[in-house]
């Protein structure tokens, strides 16, 4: 029997997750801290964010292009096109509202290379809570410097729940936890992706990798995903073409604290339209004790 599912990737849900990433601080490796930014840089970055926010509110695509990093523009475009939606129209249809900074407290700004992160704390209103009370969270605004000018990249929400130790540090103005990699800029501006065409099939990648570090490359770099000791699913950028599609895997074993047995399973599901039943067009589930370091295959989708 051919396994089926329903592709749930729609513009609104995927773009909200894509533009407003939610993270939980954990026991990450120590970061190479960036330098604290000057007050002048704060003004520059906040001006860039306000320009982006205003462009989103007014649905002004030209202004959005001027305020946004080219990297983020292409990533967002490709994600929309991969769902056979219209760009940039679909971008302005998401219900999320860019929050105002006036209700947030700036904790610090870190700059490293051509990247910078501004960390705020407070109740950021994205217009999604309805009647629910907006909770305090960390808001990380990320920026990329292009041709000497700082452009807005994206926004991340870092939730901390009711961690009493963290709350005490905040009350005592002890922000040493900001050295966690979740808050620090990488120092390297990411490469701009190549534009993709509208696919014949919408597609999702499903990965379960307990005890493995796996990188999946689809159709010569149109899509690339990496997962370490985790499981998840992702919209395949560029979707799948009718006919031949290439899949390449790079795999390495990693230590895991999970009590579950080691497992590597990868599936790809495709459908001609979102929300309709999709068929599994690729499945890879090797013996965990005999997983090769690489695997490549060409599949035919009709």
Protein backbone atom coordinates (compact mmCIF):
# COMPACT_ATOMS: atom_id res chain seq x y z
CA UNK A 1 0.00 0.00 0.00
CA UNK A 2 1.21 3.51 -0.82
CA UNK A 3 1.40 5.68 2.27
CA UNK A 4 -0.60 8.91 2.09
CA UNK A 5 -1.01 12.05 4.12
CA UNK A 6 -2.38 15.54 3.66
CA UNK A 7 -0.07 18.43 2.91
CA UNK A 8 -0.89 21.11 5.43
CA UNK A 9 1.72 23.64 4.31
CA UNK A 10 -0.24 26.78 3.47
CA UNK A 11 1.08 30.31 2.98
CA UNK A 12 -0.22 31.64 6.27
CA UNK A 13 1.05 28.86 8.52
CA UNK A 14 4.43 28.40 6.86
CA UNK A 15 5.23 32.09 6.59
CA UNK A 16 4.31 32.77 10.20
CA UNK A 17 6.67 30.01 11.28
CA UNK A 18 9.27 31.16 8.78
CA UNK A 19 9.27 34.86 9.60
CA UNK A 20 8.52 34.52 13.31
CA UNK A 21 10.55 31.56 14.51
CA UNK A 22 9.78 30.35 18.03
CA UNK A 23 12.73 28.98 19.98
CA UNK A 24 13.32 27.65 23.45
CA UNK A 25 16.71 28.40 25.04
CA UNK A 26 18.47 25.20 25.98
CA UNK A 27 21.88 23.80 26.81
CA UNK A 28 23.55 25.02 23.62
CA UNK A 29 27.31 25.06 23.10
CA UNK A 30 29.05 28.20 24.25
CA UNK A 31 28.96 30.97 21.69
CA UNK A 32 31.76 33.18 20.53
CA UNK A 33 30.15 36.39 21.84
CA UNK A 34 29.68 39.31 19.53
CA UNK A 35 30.64 42.82 20.53
CA UNK A 36 28.05 45.06 22.13
CA UNK A 37 26.82 47.62 19.65
CA UNK A 38 27.00 51.39 19.93
CA UNK A 39 23.98 53.67 20.48
CA UNK A 40 24.41 54.85 16.90
CA UNK A 41 23.94 51.31 15.63
CA UNK A 42 20.81 50.97 17.75
CA UNK A 43 19.29 53.95 15.97
CA UNK A 44 20.29 52.55 12.57
CA UNK A 45 18.84 49.10 13.25
CA UNK A 46 15.61 50.35 14.74
CA UNK A 47 15.14 52.67 11.76
CA UNK A 48 15.54 49.67 9.44
CA UNK A 49 13.01 47.65 11.45
CA UNK A 50 10.47 50.48 11.51
CA UNK A 51 10.81 50.83 7.72
CA UNK A 52 10.18 47.09 7.29
CA UNK A 53 7.23 47.18 9.69
CA UNK A 54 5.66 50.13 7.93
CA UNK A 55 6.07 48.41 4.56
CA UNK A 56 4.28 45.32 5.91
CA UNK A 57 1.45 47.42 7.34
CA UNK A 58 0.95 49.42 4.13
CA UNK A 59 1.65 46.42 1.88
CA UNK A 60 4.24 48.44 0.01
CA UNK A 61 6.40 45.94 -1.85
CA UNK A 62 8.92 48.49 -3.11
CA UNK A 63 9.49 49.78 0.42
CA UNK A 64 9.77 46.20 1.67
CA UNK A 65 12.50 45.49 -0.85
CA UNK A 66 14.44 48.55 0.32
CA UNK A 67 14.18 47.62 4.01
CA UNK A 68 14.68 43.84 3.77
CA UNK A 69 17.85 41.80 3.36
CA UNK A 70 18.10 40.26 -0.12
CA UNK A 71 18.71 36.86 1.51
CA UNK A 72 15.37 37.01 3.34
CA UNK A 73 13.53 38.30 0.30
CA UNK A 74 14.66 35.31 -1.76
CA UNK A 75 13.99 32.79 1.02
CA UNK A 76 10.47 34.14 1.43
CA UNK A 77 9.84 34.29 -2.30
CA UNK A 78 10.98 30.71 -2.82
CA UNK A 79 8.79 29.46 0.02
CA UNK A 80 5.72 31.14 -1.46
CA UNK A 81 6.47 30.03 -5.03
CA UNK A 82 7.03 26.46 -3.80
CA UNK A 83 3.37 26.44 -2.76
CA UNK A 84 2.29 27.72 -6.18
CA UNK A 85 1.09 30.96 -4.65
CA UNK A 86 1.52 34.48 -5.97
CA UNK A 87 4.49 36.51 -4.75
CA UNK A 88 4.48 39.04 -3.17
CA UNK A 89 0.68 39.04 -2.79
CA UNK A 90 0.66 35.99 -0.49
CA UNK A 91 3.23 37.62 1.79
CA UNK A 92 0.83 40.42 2.65
CA UNK A 93 -2.05 38.02 3.34
CA UNK A 94 -0.60 36.53 6.52
CA UNK A 95 -2.53 37.61 9.64
CA UNK A 96 0.54 38.33 11.73
CA UNK A 97 1.23 41.95 12.62
CA UNK A 98 4.76 43.23 13.04
CA UNK A 99 4.98 44.33 16.70
CA UNK A 100 5.80 47.83 17.78
CA UNK A 101 9.02 48.27 19.76
CA UNK A 102 7.47 50.94 21.97
CA UNK A 103 6.12 48.36 24.44
CA UNK A 104 9.38 46.39 24.60
CA UNK A 105 12.55 46.85 26.62
CA UNK A 106 15.87 46.68 24.78
CA UNK A 107 18.26 44.37 26.64
CA UNK A 108 21.24 44.52 24.32
CA UNK A 109 22.47 44.65 20.74
CA UNK A 110 25.28 42.43 19.50
CA UNK A 111 27.11 42.93 16.21
CA UNK A 112 29.49 40.49 14.59
CA UNK A 113 30.77 40.73 11.03
CA UNK A 114 27.89 41.59 8.74
CA UNK A 115 25.23 40.36 11.17
CA UNK A 116 23.59 41.90 14.21
CA UNK A 117 20.95 40.87 16.75
CA UNK A 118 18.88 43.23 18.88
CA UNK A 119 17.29 41.53 21.90
CA UNK A 120 14.13 42.92 23.45
CA UNK A 121 11.96 41.76 26.34
CA UNK A 122 8.27 42.25 26.96
CA UNK A 123 4.81 41.71 25.58
CA UNK A 124 5.10 41.76 21.80
CA UNK A 125 1.67 41.93 20.19
CA UNK A 126 1.54 40.13 16.86
CA UNK A 127 -2.23 40.39 16.59
CA UNK A 128 -2.64 36.61 16.94
CA UNK A 129 -3.66 36.26 20.59
CA UNK A 130 -7.32 37.25 20.23
CA UNK A 131 -8.72 37.61 23.72
CA UNK A 132 -5.76 35.80 25.26
CA UNK A 133 -3.31 37.76 27.34
CA UNK A 134 -0.01 38.47 25.60
CA UNK A 135 2.86 36.97 27.59
CA UNK A 136 6.39 38.24 28.17
CA UNK A 137 8.99 36.78 25.83
CA UNK A 138 12.35 37.58 24.32
CA UNK A 139 12.18 39.09 20.86
CA UNK A 140 15.31 38.90 18.70
CA UNK A 141 15.44 41.18 15.68
CA UNK A 142 18.05 39.96 13.22
CA UNK A 143 19.86 42.13 10.66
CA UNK A 144 22.27 41.68 7.76
CA UNK A 145 24.64 44.33 6.42
CA UNK A 146 24.58 44.54 2.63
CA UNK A 147 26.86 46.91 0.69
CA UNK A 148 27.50 48.80 3.91
CA UNK A 149 23.81 49.23 4.79
CA UNK A 150 21.97 47.37 7.57
CA UNK A 151 18.80 45.61 6.39
CA UNK A 152 16.17 43.80 8.44
CA UNK A 153 16.36 39.99 8.19
CA UNK A 154 13.74 38.40 10.44
CA UNK A 155 12.31 38.22 13.91
CA UNK A 156 12.53 35.38 16.42
CA UNK A 157 10.48 34.76 19.51
CA UNK A 158 12.36 32.97 22.28
CA UNK A 159 9.97 31.60 24.87
CA UNK A 160 11.13 30.83 28.39
CA UNK A 161 7.90 29.91 30.16
CA UNK A 162 7.99 30.37 33.92
CA UNK A 163 11.64 29.51 34.51
CA UNK A 164 12.19 30.98 38.02
CA UNK A 165 15.98 31.23 37.67
CA UNK A 166 15.69 33.14 34.43
CA UNK A 167 13.00 35.43 35.82
CA UNK A 168 15.23 36.20 38.81
CA UNK A 169 18.14 37.07 36.51
CA UNK A 170 15.94 39.44 34.55
CA UNK A 171 14.78 41.17 37.75
CA UNK A 172 18.39 41.53 38.87
CA UNK A 173 19.48 42.85 35.45
CA UNK A 174 21.77 39.85 35.03
CA UNK A 175 21.76 39.29 31.29
CA UNK A 176 24.65 36.84 31.11
CA UNK A 177 22.28 34.32 29.53
CA UNK A 178 22.35 36.45 26.38
CA UNK A 179 25.66 34.75 25.55
CA UNK A 180 23.61 31.71 24.54
CA UNK A 181 23.92 31.09 20.76
CA UNK A 182 20.16 31.61 20.40
CA UNK A 183 20.73 35.32 21.07
CA UNK A 184 24.05 35.81 19.28
CA UNK A 185 24.57 36.78 15.63
CA UNK A 186 26.47 34.27 13.52
CA UNK A 187 28.95 36.79 12.11
CA UNK A 188 28.50 35.52 8.56
CA UNK A 189 25.80 36.70 6.17
CA UNK A 190 24.10 33.67 4.59
CA UNK A 191 24.33 33.01 0.88
CA UNK A 192 21.37 34.13 -1.19
CA UNK A 193 19.48 31.16 -2.61
CA UNK A 194 18.81 30.79 -6.31
CA UNK A 195 15.21 31.46 -7.38
CA UNK A 196 12.98 28.43 -7.86
CA UNK A 197 10.15 27.92 -10.31
CA UNK A 198 6.59 26.98 -9.40
CA UNK A 199 6.66 23.19 -8.96
CA UNK A 200 4.48 20.56 -10.55
CA UNK A 201 3.98 19.01 -7.09
CA UNK A 202 3.86 20.55 -3.64
CA UNK A 203 6.02 18.41 -1.39
CA UNK A 204 6.92 17.88 2.25
CA UNK A 205 10.00 16.27 3.73
CA UNK A 206 9.58 14.17 6.88
CA UNK A 207 12.63 13.19 8.93
CA UNK A 208 13.10 11.13 12.10
CA UNK A 209 16.77 11.06 13.13
CA UNK A 210 17.46 9.77 16.62
CA UNK A 211 21.20 9.33 16.97
CA UNK A 212 22.00 10.79 13.56
CA UNK A 213 23.00 14.03 11.89
CA UNK A 214 21.42 14.03 8.42
CA UNK A 215 21.53 16.57 5.59
CA UNK A 216 19.05 16.18 2.75
CA UNK A 217 19.72 17.81 -0.64
CA UNK A 218 16.92 17.74 -3.20
CA UNK A 219 17.19 18.58 -6.89
CA UNK A 220 20.75 19.87 -6.86
CA UNK A 221 20.38 22.38 -4.07
CA UNK A 222 16.86 23.68 -4.65
CA UNK A 223 16.12 22.38 -1.16
CA UNK A 224 18.47 21.58 1.68
CA UNK A 225 17.55 20.47 5.20
CA UNK A 226 19.66 19.38 8.12
CA UNK A 227 18.41 17.67 11.26
CA UNK A 228 20.37 16.44 14.27
CA UNK A 229 18.89 14.12 16.89
CA UNK A 230 15.36 15.25 16.18
CA UNK A 231 12.31 14.73 14.02
CA UNK A 232 10.28 17.15 11.98
CA UNK A 233 8.79 18.08 8.65
CA UNK A 234 9.41 20.86 6.19
CA UNK A 235 8.05 22.28 2.98
CA UNK A 236 10.37 21.28 0.14
CA UNK A 237 11.61 24.43 -1.56
CA UNK A 238 11.09 24.07 -5.30
CA UNK A 239 8.71 21.16 -4.71
CA UNK A 240 9.06 18.22 -7.06
CA UNK A 241 9.10 18.12 -10.84
CA UNK A 242 7.26 15.73 -13.08
CA UNK A 243 9.75 13.08 -14.05
CA UNK A 244 13.21 12.77 -12.50
CA UNK A 245 14.08 14.28 -9.11
CA UNK A 246 17.37 13.77 -7.28
CA UNK A 247 17.82 13.16 -3.56
CA UNK A 248 21.20 13.09 -1.80
CA UNK A 249 21.82 12.32 1.87
CA UNK A 250 24.85 12.94 4.08
CA UNK A 251 24.63 11.00 7.34
CA UNK A 252 26.79 10.73 10.43
CA UNK A 253 26.09 9.11 13.82
CA UNK A 254 25.92 11.36 16.87
CA UNK A 255 25.56 10.75 20.58
CA UNK A 256 22.05 10.87 21.96
CA UNK A 257 20.65 11.02 25.49
CA UNK A 258 17.34 9.58 24.35
CA UNK A 259 16.32 6.20 25.76
CA UNK A 260 14.65 5.40 22.44
CA UNK A 261 16.52 3.18 19.98
CA UNK A 262 18.56 4.83 17.22
CA UNK A 263 16.49 5.45 14.14
CA UNK A 264 16.76 7.11 10.76
CA UNK A 265 13.68 7.42 8.58
CA UNK A 266 13.07 9.87 5.76
CA UNK A 267 9.94 10.29 3.69
CA UNK A 268 8.80 12.66 0.96
CA UNK A 269 5.13 13.25 0.25
CA UNK A 270 3.79 15.02 -2.83
CA UNK A 271 0.46 16.35 -4.02
CA UNK A 272 -0.75 18.51 -6.87
CA UNK A 273 -2.70 20.76 -4.50
CA UNK A 274 -2.36 21.68 -0.83
CA UNK A 275 -4.94 20.13 1.47
CA UNK A 276 -5.51 17.14 -0.82
CA UNK A 277 -4.25 13.61 -0.13
CA UNK A 278 -0.58 13.23 -0.95
CA UNK A 279 1.28 10.07 -1.82
CA UNK A 280 4.64 9.04 -0.50
CA UNK A 281 7.13 9.17 -3.34
CA UNK A 282 10.29 8.45 -1.37
CA UNK A 283 11.04 6.41 1.73
CA UNK A 284 14.39 5.60 3.31
CA UNK A 285 14.69 3.61 6.52
CA UNK A 286 18.02 1.74 6.78
CA UNK A 287 19.12 -0.59 9.53
CA UNK A 288 20.39 1.82 12.26
CA UNK A 289 23.49 -0.35 12.69
CA UNK A 290 24.36 -0.19 8.99
CA UNK A 291 23.62 3.39 7.96
CA UNK A 292 26.01 4.51 5.17
CA UNK A 293 27.66 7.96 5.32
CA UNK A 294 25.96 8.96 2.09
CA UNK A 295 23.10 7.88 -0.11
CA UNK A 296 21.90 9.21 -3.48
CA UNK A 297 18.96 8.26 -5.62
CA UNK A 298 16.88 9.55 -8.52
CA UNK A 299 13.13 9.14 -8.22
CA UNK A 300 10.43 9.49 -10.86
CA UNK A 301 7.24 11.34 -9.99
CA UNK A 302 4.28 11.14 -12.35
